[in-house]
C-alpha cells in the first residue's frame, strides 16, 4: 500500500486532449497528491498546460517519459493499442488509464490486455458512471432481483456543443463519433447491471446534421439510435447526441422497467453533473440516491486510489471492457443495408 501522503508520478500522453480543466481539477483535488509528467510531443496548447502545472516534468523522449512516470500513465490521445512505438518502454509501466474511445479498437485492445495480464499491469477506462454512488445503488437493486426480470432499459444521453467535447469531432484524430462521447457510457452501466450478457440482436442508425449516414469512414455521427436484445430477452434502447445547442443542459437518463417496478437514474435538474436515482412501485416513489453524486472525474479518481492500493491486472474489468468493445465493433461495422 502506497503512503496516502506520498505524491504519485502520473504521466500523460495527450495532455491537450485530456484537457486543462481536468488537469486543473485533479491538481487541486485534496488528498490526490499528484506530480504530472507530460509527454510534450504535438501539444496544441503548451503554454496553457505549462501555466496550469508549472511544476510538471515535460519530456520529449518517450524512453525517459516511461521511466519518469513511475506510478501510472494516462493514455488520453489517440494511440495504436498494439503500442508498437512504445513496446521498448512498455514494460516499465505499472498501470494505464485509457480514454473510453480506445474501446473502438477491439483487436488492439485484446493485444493490449494480453500484455497487461502477463505483466500484472492494471488497466482502467474513463467510464465514470460505473463508479458513482447512484449507479452502485441501482446496480445493487437490479442484481438482488428486487425489480424482478428486467424487460427493457431506455437510455438517453444528450450533450451540448461545449468546447470540452469538440476535440473528438476532428476526424484526423481517428477518434469515433458522438456515440463514443456519450452513449457508450450509459451502455456500459446498462450491460454491467445485467452482468454483461451476450447480445443476440443489434441495430444502430447513425446520423449527422439530421441526415442518416449510410457509410461511415471516418466515423463522424453526431446522433445515434441503438436497439439491442440480450440473450435473456432484455431490450435496450439508446439515443445519444453531442449536438445540443450550447444553451441547453445535458440530459442523462437510464430507465429500467422490471416485473416488480421501475428504476430511473438521471442527472439532477439543478446540477447537470449530479445524479439522482428514483424507484417506482405502483403508486409509490422513493429516492434511492440523491446529490451530491458528481460523475465527473469519478473514474480517474478510482484509478488513482487503485494505484495507492497497488492493485494489479483486474480480470473482471478486462472481461467487461472486451465485451463492451465487441458491442462497439458491431455498432461501427454493421453490414450495409
C-alpha atoms as a PDB file:
ATOM      1  CA  UNK A   1       0.000   0.000   0.000  1.00  0.00           C
ATOM      2  CA  UNK A   2       1.375   3.419  -1.033  1.00  0.00           C
ATOM      3  CA  UNK A   3       1.615   6.092   1.683  1.00  0.00           C
ATOM      4  CA  UNK A   4      -1.507   8.277   1.278  1.00  0.00           C
ATOM      5  CA  UNK A   5       0.586  11.412   1.670  1.00  0.00           C
ATOM      6  CA  UNK A   6       3.121  10.392  -0.937  1.00  0.00           C
ATOM      7  CA  UNK A   7       2.879  12.139  -4.300  1.00  0.00           C
ATOM      8  CA  UNK A   8       2.232   9.835  -7.247  1.00  0.00           C
ATOM      9  CA  UNK A   9       4.093  10.420 -10.510  1.00  0.00           C
ATOM     10  CA  UNK A  10       1.446  10.226 -13.224  1.00  0.00           C
ATOM     11  CA  UNK A  11       2.345  10.516 -16.906  1.00  0.00           C
ATOM     12  CA  UNK A  12       0.046  11.945 -19.580  1.00  0.00           C
ATOM     13  CA  UNK A  13       0.175  11.031 -23.265  1.00  0.00           C
ATOM     14  CA  UNK A  14      -2.130  13.512 -24.984  1.00  0.00           C
ATOM     15  CA  UNK A  15      -2.349  16.319 -22.417  1.00  0.00           C
ATOM     16  CA  UNK A  16      -4.160  18.594 -24.900  1.00  0.00           C
ATOM     17  CA  UNK A  17      -6.979  16.098 -25.344  1.00  0.00           C
ATOM     18  CA  UNK A  18      -7.046  15.246 -21.645  1.00  0.00           C
ATOM     19  CA  UNK A  19      -7.768  18.917 -21.119  1.00  0.00           C
ATOM     20  CA  UNK A  20      -6.541  21.785 -18.994  1.00  0.00           C
ATOM     21  CA  UNK A  21      -9.776  21.760 -16.986  1.00  0.00           C
ATOM     22  CA  UNK A  22      -9.386  18.139 -15.965  1.00  0.00           C
ATOM     23  CA  UNK A  23      -5.700  18.603 -15.168  1.00  0.00           C
ATOM     24  CA  UNK A  24      -6.637  21.603 -13.006  1.00  0.00           C
ATOM     25  CA  UNK A  25      -9.368  19.683 -11.131  1.00  0.00           C
ATOM     26  CA  UNK A  26      -7.040  16.789 -10.338  1.00  0.00           C
ATOM     27  CA  UNK A  27      -4.195  19.086  -9.319  1.00  0.00           C
ATOM     28  CA  UNK A  28      -6.451  20.985  -6.917  1.00  0.00           C
ATOM     29  CA  UNK A  29      -8.298  17.952  -5.511  1.00  0.00           C
ATOM     30  CA  UNK A  30      -7.401  17.386  -1.887  1.00  0.00           C
ATOM     31  CA  UNK A  31      -5.741  14.073  -0.983  1.00  0.00           C
ATOM     32  CA  UNK A  32      -4.943  13.023  -4.573  1.00  0.00           C
ATOM     33  CA  UNK A  33      -1.344  14.328  -4.383  1.00  0.00           C
ATOM     34  CA  UNK A  34      -0.174  14.040  -7.997  1.00  0.00           C
ATOM     35  CA  UNK A  35       3.030  15.078  -9.730  1.00  0.00           C
ATOM     36  CA  UNK A  36       2.450  15.171 -13.501  1.00  0.00           C
ATOM     37  CA  UNK A  37       4.908  14.023 -16.160  1.00  0.00           C
ATOM     38  CA  UNK A  38       3.892  15.157 -19.669  1.00  0.00           C
ATOM     39  CA  UNK A  39       4.992  13.715 -22.990  1.00  0.00           C
ATOM     40  CA  UNK A  40       5.123  17.063 -24.739  1.00  0.00           C
ATOM     41  CA  UNK A  41       5.098  15.969 -28.379  1.00  0.00           C
ATOM     42  CA  UNK A  42       2.357  17.586 -30.500  1.00  0.00           C
ATOM     43  CA  UNK A  43       0.755  19.624 -27.713  1.00  0.00           C
ATOM     44  CA  UNK A  44      -1.876  22.007 -29.106  1.00  0.00           C
ATOM     45  CA  UNK A  45      -1.724  24.406 -26.177  1.00  0.00           C
ATOM     46  CA  UNK A  46       1.663  24.002 -24.433  1.00  0.00           C
ATOM     47  CA  UNK A  47       1.663  27.430 -22.761  1.00  0.00           C
ATOM     48  CA  UNK A  48      -1.769  26.877 -21.232  1.00  0.00           C
ATOM     49  CA  UNK A  49      -0.792  23.476 -19.869  1.00  0.00           C
ATOM     50  CA  UNK A  50       2.565  24.696 -18.555  1.00  0.00           C
ATOM     51  CA  UNK A  51       0.830  27.609 -16.816  1.00  0.00           C
ATOM     52  CA  UNK A  52      -1.612  25.203 -15.147  1.00  0.00           C
ATOM     53  CA  UNK A  53       1.027  22.719 -13.940  1.00  0.00           C
ATOM     54  CA  UNK A  54       4.328  24.641 -13.880  1.00  0.00           C
ATOM     55  CA  UNK A  55       5.880  22.041 -11.565  1.00  0.00           C
ATOM     56  CA  UNK A  56       5.241  19.197 -14.026  1.00  0.00           C
ATOM     57  CA  UNK A  57       8.060  17.500 -15.886  1.00  0.00           C
ATOM     58  CA  UNK A  58       7.798  17.910 -19.674  1.00  0.00           C
ATOM     59  CA  UNK A  59       9.687  15.308 -21.701  1.00  0.00           C
ATOM     60  CA  UNK A  60      10.065  14.685 -25.432  1.00  0.00           C
ATOM     61  CA  UNK A  61      11.950  11.399 -25.172  1.00  0.00           C
ATOM     62  CA  UNK A  62       9.483   8.513 -24.854  1.00  0.00           C
ATOM     63  CA  UNK A  63      12.005   6.292 -23.068  1.00  0.00           C
ATOM     64  CA  UNK A  64      12.634   8.950 -20.424  1.00  0.00           C
ATOM     65  CA  UNK A  65       8.901   9.631 -20.123  1.00  0.00           C
ATOM     66  CA  UNK A  66       8.072   5.992 -19.305  1.00  0.00           C
ATOM     67  CA  UNK A  67      10.988   5.871 -16.896  1.00  0.00           C
ATOM     68  CA  UNK A  68       9.840   9.006 -15.056  1.00  0.00           C
ATOM     69  CA  UNK A  69       6.102   8.211 -14.857  1.00  0.00           C
ATOM     70  CA  UNK A  70       6.666   5.571 -12.204  1.00  0.00           C
ATOM     71  CA  UNK A  71       3.118   5.126 -10.857  1.00  0.00           C
ATOM     72  CA  UNK A  72       0.852   5.200 -13.892  1.00  0.00           C
ATOM     73  CA  UNK A  73       0.158   6.629 -17.341  1.00  0.00           C
ATOM     74  CA  UNK A  74      -2.919   8.364 -18.721  1.00  0.00           C
ATOM     75  CA  UNK A  75      -3.500   7.454 -22.390  1.00  0.00           C
ATOM     76  CA  UNK A  76      -5.645  10.397 -23.462  1.00  0.00           C
ATOM     77  CA  UNK A  77      -4.629  10.950 -27.075  1.00  0.00           C
ATOM     78  CA  UNK A  78      -5.148   8.521 -29.924  1.00  0.00           C
ATOM     79  CA  UNK A  79      -2.570   5.728 -29.904  1.00  0.00           C
ATOM     80  CA  UNK A  80      -2.449   2.350 -31.577  1.00  0.00           C
ATOM     81  CA  UNK A  81      -3.209  -0.098 -28.766  1.00  0.00           C
ATOM     82  CA  UNK A  82      -0.777  -2.520 -30.348  1.00  0.00           C
ATOM     83  CA  UNK A  83       1.613   0.038 -28.810  1.00  0.00           C
ATOM     84  CA  UNK A  84       4.288  -0.793 -31.370  1.00  0.00           C
ATOM     85  CA  UNK A  85       6.109   2.521 -30.926  1.00  0.00           C
ATOM     86  CA  UNK A  86       6.065   2.164 -27.138  1.00  0.00           C
ATOM     87  CA  UNK A  87       6.960  -1.538 -26.897  1.00  0.00           C
ATOM     88  CA  UNK A  88      10.589  -0.970 -25.764  1.00  0.00           C
ATOM     89  CA  UNK A  89       9.384   1.154 -22.841  1.00  0.00           C
ATOM     90  CA  UNK A  90       6.028  -0.505 -22.131  1.00  0.00           C
ATOM     91  CA  UNK A  91       7.452  -2.974 -19.613  1.00  0.00           C
ATOM     92  CA  UNK A  92       8.347  -0.099 -17.289  1.00  0.00           C
ATOM     93  CA  UNK A  93       4.696   0.941 -16.889  1.00  0.00           C
ATOM     94  CA  UNK A  94       2.736  -0.174 -13.830  1.00  0.00           C
ATOM     95  CA  UNK A  95      -0.760   0.997 -14.809  1.00  0.00           C
ATOM     96  CA  UNK A  96      -2.739   2.700 -17.580  1.00  0.00           C
ATOM     97  CA  UNK A  97      -5.846   4.885 -17.548  1.00  0.00           C
ATOM     98  CA  UNK A  98      -7.392   4.898 -21.012  1.00  0.00           C
ATOM     99  CA  UNK A  99      -9.762   7.198 -22.859  1.00  0.00           C
ATOM    100  CA  UNK A 100     -13.072   5.397 -23.480  1.00  0.00           C
ATOM    101  CA  UNK A 101     -12.555   5.902 -27.224  1.00  0.00           C
ATOM    102  CA  UNK A 102      -9.975   3.110 -27.163  1.00  0.00           C
ATOM    103  CA  UNK A 103     -12.910   0.695 -26.850  1.00  0.00           C
ATOM    104  CA  UNK A 104     -13.290   1.215 -30.598  1.00  0.00           C
ATOM    105  CA  UNK A 105     -10.062  -0.779 -31.148  1.00  0.00           C
ATOM    106  CA  UNK A 106     -11.171  -4.347 -30.443  1.00  0.00           C
ATOM    107  CA  UNK A 107      -8.131  -6.122 -31.899  1.00  0.00           C
ATOM    108  CA  UNK A 108      -5.678  -3.675 -30.366  1.00  0.00           C
ATOM    109  CA  UNK A 109      -7.449  -3.861 -27.003  1.00  0.00           C
ATOM    110  CA  UNK A 110      -7.196  -7.651 -26.959  1.00  0.00           C
ATOM    111  CA  UNK A 111      -3.438  -7.377 -27.597  1.00  0.00           C
ATOM    112  CA  UNK A 112      -3.056  -4.607 -25.004  1.00  0.00           C
ATOM    113  CA  UNK A 113      -4.841  -6.574 -22.272  1.00  0.00           C
ATOM    114  CA  UNK A 114      -2.890  -9.744 -23.034  1.00  0.00           C
ATOM    115  CA  UNK A 115       0.354  -7.873 -22.361  1.00  0.00           C
ATOM    116  CA  UNK A 116      -1.144  -6.234 -19.256  1.00  0.00           C
ATOM    117  CA  UNK A 117      -2.148  -9.641 -17.903  1.00  0.00           C
ATOM    118  CA  UNK A 118       1.315 -11.101 -18.472  1.00  0.00           C
ATOM    119  CA  UNK A 119       2.945  -8.138 -16.680  1.00  0.00           C
ATOM    120  CA  UNK A 120       0.246  -7.735 -13.977  1.00  0.00           C
ATOM    121  CA  UNK A 121      -0.492  -4.189 -15.186  1.00  0.00           C
ATOM    122  CA  UNK A 122      -3.716  -2.510 -14.046  1.00  0.00           C
ATOM    123  CA  UNK A 123      -5.708  -1.086 -16.977  1.00  0.00           C
ATOM    124  CA  UNK A 124      -8.730   1.146 -16.309  1.00  0.00           C
ATOM    125  CA  UNK A 125     -11.014   3.163 -18.584  1.00  0.00           C
ATOM    126  CA  UNK A 126     -12.674   6.543 -18.387  1.00  0.00           C
ATOM    127  CA  UNK A 127     -16.218   5.272 -17.782  1.00  0.00           C
ATOM    128  CA  UNK A 128     -17.196   7.379 -14.760  1.00  0.00           C
ATOM    129  CA  UNK A 129     -20.858   6.420 -14.286  1.00  0.00           C
ATOM    130  CA  UNK A 130     -19.994   2.916 -13.078  1.00  0.00           C
ATOM    131  CA  UNK A 131     -18.215   4.448 -10.060  1.00  0.00           C
ATOM    132  CA  UNK A 132     -20.990   6.802  -8.912  1.00  0.00           C
ATOM    133  CA  UNK A 133     -22.998   6.163  -5.779  1.00  0.00           C
ATOM    134  CA  UNK A 134     -26.202   6.372  -7.816  1.00  0.00           C
ATOM    135  CA  UNK A 135     -25.211   3.558 -10.149  1.00  0.00           C
ATOM    136  CA  UNK A 136     -23.873   1.393  -7.319  1.00  0.00           C
ATOM    137  CA  UNK A 137     -27.231   1.700  -5.522  1.00  0.00           C
ATOM    138  CA  UNK A 138     -29.137   0.977  -8.745  1.00  0.00           C
ATOM    139  CA  UNK A 139     -26.885  -1.961  -9.555  1.00  0.00           C
ATOM    140  CA  UNK A 140     -27.445  -3.443  -6.107  1.00  0.00           C
ATOM    141  CA  UNK A 141     -31.235  -3.322  -6.549  1.00  0.00           C
ATOM    142  CA  UNK A 142     -31.097  -4.904 -10.003  1.00  0.00           C
ATOM    143  CA  UNK A 143     -28.583  -7.614  -9.064  1.00  0.00           C
ATOM    144  CA  UNK A 144     -30.601  -8.628  -5.979  1.00  0.00           C
ATOM    145  CA  UNK A 145     -33.669  -9.126  -8.164  1.00  0.00           C
ATOM    146  CA  UNK A 146     -35.798  -6.536  -6.395  1.00  0.00           C
ATOM    147  CA  UNK A 147     -37.261  -5.440  -9.754  1.00  0.00           C
ATOM    148  CA  UNK A 148     -37.730  -8.988 -10.963  1.00  0.00           C
ATOM    149  CA  UNK A 149     -36.825  -9.656 -14.580  1.00  0.00           C
ATOM    150  CA  UNK A 150     -35.710  -6.512 -16.410  1.00  0.00           C
ATOM    151  CA  UNK A 151     -37.801  -6.327 -19.567  1.00  0.00           C
ATOM    152  CA  UNK A 152     -36.460  -3.074 -21.006  1.00  0.00           C
ATOM    153  CA  UNK A 153     -33.828  -0.378 -20.428  1.00  0.00           C
ATOM    154  CA  UNK A 154     -34.181   3.020 -22.116  1.00  0.00           C
ATOM    155  CA  UNK A 155     -31.034   5.158 -22.260  1.00  0.00           C
ATOM    156  CA  UNK A 156     -30.700   8.819 -23.256  1.00  0.00           C
ATOM    157  CA  UNK A 157     -27.552  10.952 -23.298  1.00  0.00           C
ATOM    158  CA  UNK A 158     -27.754  14.364 -24.949  1.00  0.00           C
ATOM    159  CA  UNK A 159     -24.763  16.665 -24.651  1.00  0.00           C
ATOM    160  CA  UNK A 160     -24.463  20.255 -25.833  1.00  0.00           C
ATOM    161  CA  UNK A 161     -21.867  21.676 -28.203  1.00  0.00           C
ATOM    162  CA  UNK A 162     -19.445  22.594 -25.434  1.00  0.00           C
ATOM    163  CA  UNK A 163     -15.775  23.206 -26.073  1.00  0.00           C
ATOM    164  CA  UNK A 164     -14.931  20.227 -23.872  1.00  0.00           C
ATOM    165  CA  UNK A 165     -16.167  17.733 -26.456  1.00  0.00           C
ATOM    166  CA  UNK A 166     -15.119  19.345 -29.714  1.00  0.00           C
ATOM    167  CA  UNK A 167     -11.703  17.672 -29.956  1.00  0.00           C
ATOM    168  CA  UNK A 168     -13.210  14.309 -30.817  1.00  0.00           C
ATOM    169  CA  UNK A 169     -15.081  15.861 -33.759  1.00  0.00           C
ATOM    170  CA  UNK A 170     -11.836  16.221 -35.678  1.00  0.00           C
ATOM    171  CA  UNK A 171     -11.675  13.212 -37.921  1.00  0.00           C
ATOM    172  CA  UNK A 172      -7.905  13.310 -38.384  1.00  0.00           C
ATOM    173  CA  UNK A 173      -7.539  12.124 -34.779  1.00  0.00           C
ATOM    174  CA  UNK A 174      -9.171   8.818 -35.781  1.00  0.00           C
ATOM    175  CA  UNK A 175     -11.486   9.041 -32.806  1.00  0.00           C
ATOM    176  CA  UNK A 176     -15.036   7.915 -33.427  1.00  0.00           C
ATOM    177  CA  UNK A 177     -18.242   9.941 -33.393  1.00  0.00           C
ATOM    178  CA  UNK A 178     -20.868  11.057 -30.908  1.00  0.00           C
ATOM    179  CA  UNK A 179     -21.655   7.586 -29.570  1.00  0.00           C
ATOM    180  CA  UNK A 180     -18.144   7.282 -28.121  1.00  0.00           C
ATOM    181  CA  UNK A 181     -18.537  10.702 -26.472  1.00  0.00           C
ATOM    182  CA  UNK A 182     -21.892   9.951 -24.871  1.00  0.00           C
ATOM    183  CA  UNK A 183     -23.840   6.743 -25.435  1.00  0.00           C
ATOM    184  CA  UNK A 184     -21.065   4.252 -24.686  1.00  0.00           C
ATOM    185  CA  UNK A 185     -21.042   5.437 -21.064  1.00  0.00           C
ATOM    186  CA  UNK A 186     -24.710   4.591 -20.493  1.00  0.00           C
ATOM    187  CA  UNK A 187     -24.483   1.368 -22.477  1.00  0.00           C
ATOM    188  CA  UNK A 188     -21.681   0.315 -20.126  1.00  0.00           C
ATOM    189  CA  UNK A 189     -23.778   0.705 -16.972  1.00  0.00           C
ATOM    190  CA  UNK A 190     -26.799  -0.985 -18.573  1.00  0.00           C
ATOM    191  CA  UNK A 191     -24.751  -4.040 -19.577  1.00  0.00           C
ATOM    192  CA  UNK A 192     -22.834  -4.069 -16.288  1.00  0.00           C
ATOM    193  CA  UNK A 193     -26.049  -4.138 -14.260  1.00  0.00           C
ATOM    194  CA  UNK A 194     -27.110  -7.176 -16.317  1.00  0.00           C
ATOM    195  CA  UNK A 195     -23.706  -8.826 -15.747  1.00  0.00           C
ATOM    196  CA  UNK A 196     -22.615  -8.171 -19.332  1.00  0.00           C
ATOM    197  CA  UNK A 197     -24.873 -10.662 -21.142  1.00  0.00           C
ATOM    198  CA  UNK A 198     -24.419 -11.839 -24.709  1.00  0.00           C
ATOM    199  CA  UNK A 199     -26.063  -9.601 -27.320  1.00  0.00           C
ATOM    200  CA  UNK A 200     -28.354 -11.587 -29.635  1.00  0.00           C
ATOM    201  CA  UNK A 201     -29.610  -8.723 -31.816  1.00  0.00           C
ATOM    202  CA  UNK A 202     -28.259  -5.263 -32.543  1.00  0.00           C
ATOM    203  CA  UNK A 203     -29.058  -2.486 -34.955  1.00  0.00           C
ATOM    204  CA  UNK A 204     -27.714   1.075 -34.918  1.00  0.00           C
ATOM    205  CA  UNK A 205     -28.577   4.067 -37.085  1.00  0.00           C
ATOM    206  CA  UNK A 206     -26.069   6.957 -37.164  1.00  0.00           C
ATOM    207  CA  UNK A 207     -26.973  10.496 -38.219  1.00  0.00           C
ATOM    208  CA  UNK A 208     -25.025  13.641 -38.950  1.00  0.00           C
ATOM    209  CA  UNK A 209     -26.747  17.031 -39.078  1.00  0.00           C
ATOM    210  CA  UNK A 210     -30.116  15.315 -39.305  1.00  0.00           C
ATOM    211  CA  UNK A 211     -29.225  13.017 -42.202  1.00  0.00           C
ATOM    212  CA  UNK A 212     -28.775   9.271 -41.943  1.00  0.00           C
ATOM    213  CA  UNK A 213     -25.215   8.150 -42.644  1.00  0.00           C
ATOM    214  CA  UNK A 214     -25.149   5.175 -44.988  1.00  0.00           C
ATOM    215  CA  UNK A 215     -21.428   4.501 -44.651  1.00  0.00           C
ATOM    216  CA  UNK A 216     -19.078   5.978 -42.079  1.00  0.00           C
ATOM    217  CA  UNK A 217     -15.446   6.445 -42.966  1.00  0.00           C
ATOM    218  CA  UNK A 218     -14.189   8.032 -40.839  1.00  0.00           C
ATOM    219  CA  UNK A 219     -16.794   7.778 -38.084  1.00  0.00           C
ATOM    220  CA  UNK A 220     -18.383  11.166 -37.524  1.00  0.00           C
ATOM    221  CA  UNK A 221     -22.006  10.785 -36.351  1.00  0.00           C
ATOM    222  CA  UNK A 222     -23.425  13.413 -34.008  1.00  0.00           C
ATOM    223  CA  UNK A 223     -26.582  11.385 -33.229  1.00  0.00           C
ATOM    224  CA  UNK A 224     -27.110   7.644 -32.921  1.00  0.00           C
ATOM    225  CA  UNK A 225     -30.087   5.347 -32.304  1.00  0.00           C
ATOM    226  CA  UNK A 226     -29.322   1.874 -30.988  1.00  0.00           C
ATOM    227  CA  UNK A 227     -31.545  -1.119 -30.277  1.00  0.00           C
ATOM    228  CA  UNK A 228     -30.220  -4.393 -28.932  1.00  0.00           C
ATOM    229  CA  UNK A 229     -31.637  -7.502 -27.284  1.00  0.00           C
ATOM    230  CA  UNK A 230     -29.683  -9.580 -24.791  1.00  0.00           C
ATOM    231  CA  UNK A 231     -29.594 -13.375 -24.640  1.00  0.00           C
ATOM    232  CA  UNK A 232     -32.021 -13.343 -21.706  1.00  0.00           C
ATOM    233  CA  UNK A 233     -34.507 -11.151 -23.577  1.00  0.00           C
ATOM    234  CA  UNK A 234     -33.880  -7.651 -22.195  1.00  0.00           C
ATOM    235  CA  UNK A 235     -34.499  -4.913 -24.754  1.00  0.00           C
ATOM    236  CA  UNK A 236     -32.058  -1.969 -24.609  1.00  0.00           C
ATOM    237  CA  UNK A 237     -32.839   1.261 -26.454  1.00  0.00           C
ATOM    238  CA  UNK A 238     -30.286   4.060 -26.645  1.00  0.00           C
ATOM    239  CA  UNK A 239     -30.432   7.512 -28.183  1.00  0.00           C
ATOM    240  CA  UNK A 240     -27.456   9.810 -27.872  1.00  0.00           C
ATOM    241  CA  UNK A 241     -26.185  13.094 -29.286  1.00  0.00           C
ATOM    242  CA  UNK A 242     -23.430  15.616 -28.755  1.00  0.00           C
ATOM    243  CA  UNK A 243     -25.142  18.267 -30.849  1.00  0.00           C
ATOM    244  CA  UNK A 244     -27.485  20.117 -28.488  1.00  0.00           C
ATOM    245  CA  UNK A 245     -27.379  23.918 -28.634  1.00  0.00           C
ATOM    246  CA  UNK A 246     -24.950  25.382 -26.109  1.00  0.00           C
ATOM    247  CA  UNK A 247     -27.854  26.943 -24.215  1.00  0.00           C
ATOM    248  CA  UNK A 248     -29.367  23.534 -23.373  1.00  0.00           C
ATOM    249  CA  UNK A 249     -28.181  21.479 -20.421  1.00  0.00           C
ATOM    250  CA  UNK A 250     -27.078  17.928 -20.970  1.00  0.00           C
ATOM    251  CA  UNK A 251     -29.667  15.187 -20.459  1.00  0.00           C
ATOM    252  CA  UNK A 252     -28.726  11.837 -18.910  1.00  0.00           C
ATOM    253  CA  UNK A 253     -31.369   9.171 -18.275  1.00  0.00           C
ATOM    254  CA  UNK A 254     -31.368   5.412 -17.699  1.00  0.00           C
ATOM    255  CA  UNK A 255     -34.856   3.948 -17.178  1.00  0.00           C
ATOM    256  CA  UNK A 256     -35.151   0.316 -16.050  1.00  0.00           C
ATOM    257  CA  UNK A 257     -38.511  -1.409 -16.496  1.00  0.00           C
ATOM    258  CA  UNK A 258     -38.898  -4.589 -14.442  1.00  0.00           C
ATOM    259  CA  UNK A 259     -41.620  -7.051 -13.438  1.00  0.00           C
ATOM    260  CA  UNK A 260     -41.923  -5.534  -9.967  1.00  0.00           C
ATOM    261  CA  UNK A 261     -41.290  -1.858 -10.670  1.00  0.00           C
ATOM    262  CA  UNK A 262     -39.133   0.734 -12.367  1.00  0.00           C
ATOM    263  CA  UNK A 263     -35.833   2.439 -11.608  1.00  0.00           C
ATOM    264  CA  UNK A 264     -34.689   5.735 -13.055  1.00  0.00           C
ATOM    265  CA  UNK A 265     -31.181   7.208 -12.979  1.00  0.00           C
ATOM    266  CA  UNK A 266     -30.914  10.760 -14.263  1.00  0.00           C
ATOM    267  CA  UNK A 267     -28.880  13.908 -13.864  1.00  0.00           C
ATOM    268  CA  UNK A 268     -30.348  16.417 -11.454  1.00  0.00           C
ATOM    269  CA  UNK A 269     -32.425  19.337 -12.744  1.00  0.00           C
ATOM    270  CA  UNK A 270     -30.343  21.927 -10.898  1.00  0.00           C
ATOM    271  CA  UNK A 271     -26.919  20.354 -11.433  1.00  0.00           C
ATOM    272  CA  UNK A 272     -26.256  18.585 -14.731  1.00  0.00           C
ATOM    273  CA  UNK A 273     -23.229  16.730 -13.342  1.00  0.00           C
ATOM    274  CA  UNK A 274     -25.062  15.328 -10.285  1.00  0.00           C
ATOM    275  CA  UNK A 275     -27.039  12.087 -10.362  1.00  0.00           C
ATOM    276  CA  UNK A 276     -30.293  11.043  -8.724  1.00  0.00           C
ATOM    277  CA  UNK A 277     -31.909   7.582  -8.685  1.00  0.00           C
ATOM    278  CA  UNK A 278     -35.649   7.046  -8.162  1.00  0.00           C
ATOM    279  CA  UNK A 279     -37.613   3.821  -7.659  1.00  0.00           C
ATOM    280  CA  UNK A 280     -41.242   3.473  -8.760  1.00  0.00           C
ATOM    281  CA  UNK A 281     -43.552   0.731  -7.439  1.00  0.00           C
ATOM    282  CA  UNK A 282     -47.270   1.095  -8.123  1.00  0.00           C
ATOM    283  CA  UNK A 283     -48.236   4.478  -6.643  1.00  0.00           C
ATOM    284  CA  UNK A 284     -45.078   4.758  -4.530  1.00  0.00           C
ATOM    285  CA  UNK A 285     -41.979   6.776  -5.400  1.00  0.00           C
ATOM    286  CA  UNK A 286     -38.804   6.569  -3.318  1.00  0.00           C
ATOM    287  CA  UNK A 287     -35.447   8.293  -3.694  1.00  0.00           C
ATOM    288  CA  UNK A 288     -32.716   5.653  -3.813  1.00  0.00           C
ATOM    289  CA  UNK A 289     -29.779   8.045  -4.225  1.00  0.00           C
ATOM    290  CA  UNK A 290     -29.589  11.826  -4.325  1.00  0.00           C
ATOM    291  CA  UNK A 291     -26.982  14.566  -4.873  1.00  0.00           C
ATOM    292  CA  UNK A 292     -24.228  15.288  -4.272  1.00  0.00           C
ATOM    293  CA  UNK A 293     -23.106  12.491  -6.603  1.00  0.00           C
ATOM    294  CA  UNK A 294     -20.878  14.047  -9.262  1.00  0.00           C
ATOM    295  CA  UNK A 295     -19.848  11.698 -12.073  1.00  0.00           C
ATOM    296  CA  UNK A 296     -17.122  13.979 -13.485  1.00  0.00           C
ATOM    297  CA  UNK A 297     -13.649  12.526 -12.730  1.00  0.00           C
ATOM    298  CA  UNK A 298     -15.169   9.562 -10.834  1.00  0.00           C
ATOM    299  CA  UNK A 299     -13.294   7.003 -12.953  1.00  0.00           C
ATOM    300  CA  UNK A 300      -9.865   8.594 -12.768  1.00  0.00           C
ATOM    301  CA  UNK A 301     -10.162   9.142  -9.010  1.00  0.00           C
ATOM    302  CA  UNK A 302     -10.983   5.447  -8.608  1.00  0.00           C
ATOM    303  CA  UNK A 303      -7.918   4.612 -10.710  1.00  0.00           C
ATOM    304  CA  UNK A 304      -5.674   6.838  -8.589  1.00  0.00           C
ATOM    305  CA  UNK A 305      -6.942   5.190  -5.381  1.00  0.00           C
ATOM    306  CA  UNK A 306      -6.256   1.814  -7.011  1.00  0.00           C
ATOM    307  CA  UNK A 307      -2.681   2.943  -7.649  1.00  0.00           C
ATOM    308  CA  UNK A 308      -2.261   3.743  -3.979  1.00  0.00           C
ATOM    309  CA  UNK A 309      -3.617   0.299  -3.122  1.00  0.00           C
ATOM    310  CA  UNK A 310      -1.040  -1.126  -5.583  1.00  0.00           C
ATOM    311  CA  UNK A 311      -3.650  -3.133  -7.475  1.00  0.00           C
ATOM    312  CA  UNK A 312      -2.571  -5.144 -10.474  1.00  0.00           C
ATOM    313  CA  UNK A 313      -4.311  -6.615 -13.506  1.00  0.00           C
ATOM    314  CA  UNK A 314      -8.063  -6.890 -12.968  1.00  0.00           C
ATOM    315  CA  UNK A 315      -9.559  -9.899 -14.783  1.00  0.00           C
ATOM    316  CA  UNK A 316     -13.156  -8.709 -14.321  1.00  0.00           C
ATOM    317  CA  UNK A 317     -12.513  -5.230 -15.738  1.00  0.00           C
ATOM    318  CA  UNK A 318     -10.694  -6.746 -18.716  1.00  0.00           C
ATOM    319  CA  UNK A 319     -13.560  -9.151 -19.439  1.00  0.00           C
ATOM    320  CA  UNK A 320     -16.158  -6.365 -19.288  1.00  0.00           C
ATOM    321  CA  UNK A 321     -14.131  -3.997 -21.466  1.00  0.00           C
ATOM    322  CA  UNK A 322     -13.602  -6.655 -24.129  1.00  0.00           C
ATOM    323  CA  UNK A 323     -17.344  -7.360 -24.106  1.00  0.00           C
ATOM    324  CA  UNK A 324     -18.134  -3.655 -24.456  1.00  0.00           C
ATOM    325  CA  UNK A 325     -15.532  -3.270 -27.212  1.00  0.00           C
ATOM    326  CA  UNK A 326     -17.203  -6.164 -29.004  1.00  0.00           C
ATOM    327  CA  UNK A 327     -20.538  -4.311 -28.968  1.00  0.00           C
ATOM    328  CA  UNK A 328     -18.854  -1.115 -30.189  1.00  0.00           C
ATOM    329  CA  UNK A 329     -17.273  -3.121 -33.014  1.00  0.00           C
ATOM    330  CA  UNK A 330     -20.728  -4.404 -34.007  1.00  0.00           C
ATOM    331  CA  UNK A 331     -22.168  -0.879 -33.994  1.00  0.00           C
ATOM    332  CA  UNK A 332     -19.496   0.546 -36.271  1.00  0.00           C
ATOM    333  CA  UNK A 333     -19.166  -2.480 -38.535  1.00  0.00           C
ATOM    334  CA  UNK A 334     -22.754  -3.252 -39.433  1.00  0.00           C
ATOM    335  CA  UNK A 335     -23.278  -4.647 -42.926  1.00  0.00           C
ATOM    336  CA  UNK A 336     -24.644  -2.130 -45.413  1.00  0.00           C
ATOM    337  CA  UNK A 337     -28.440  -2.352 -45.876  1.00  0.00           C
END
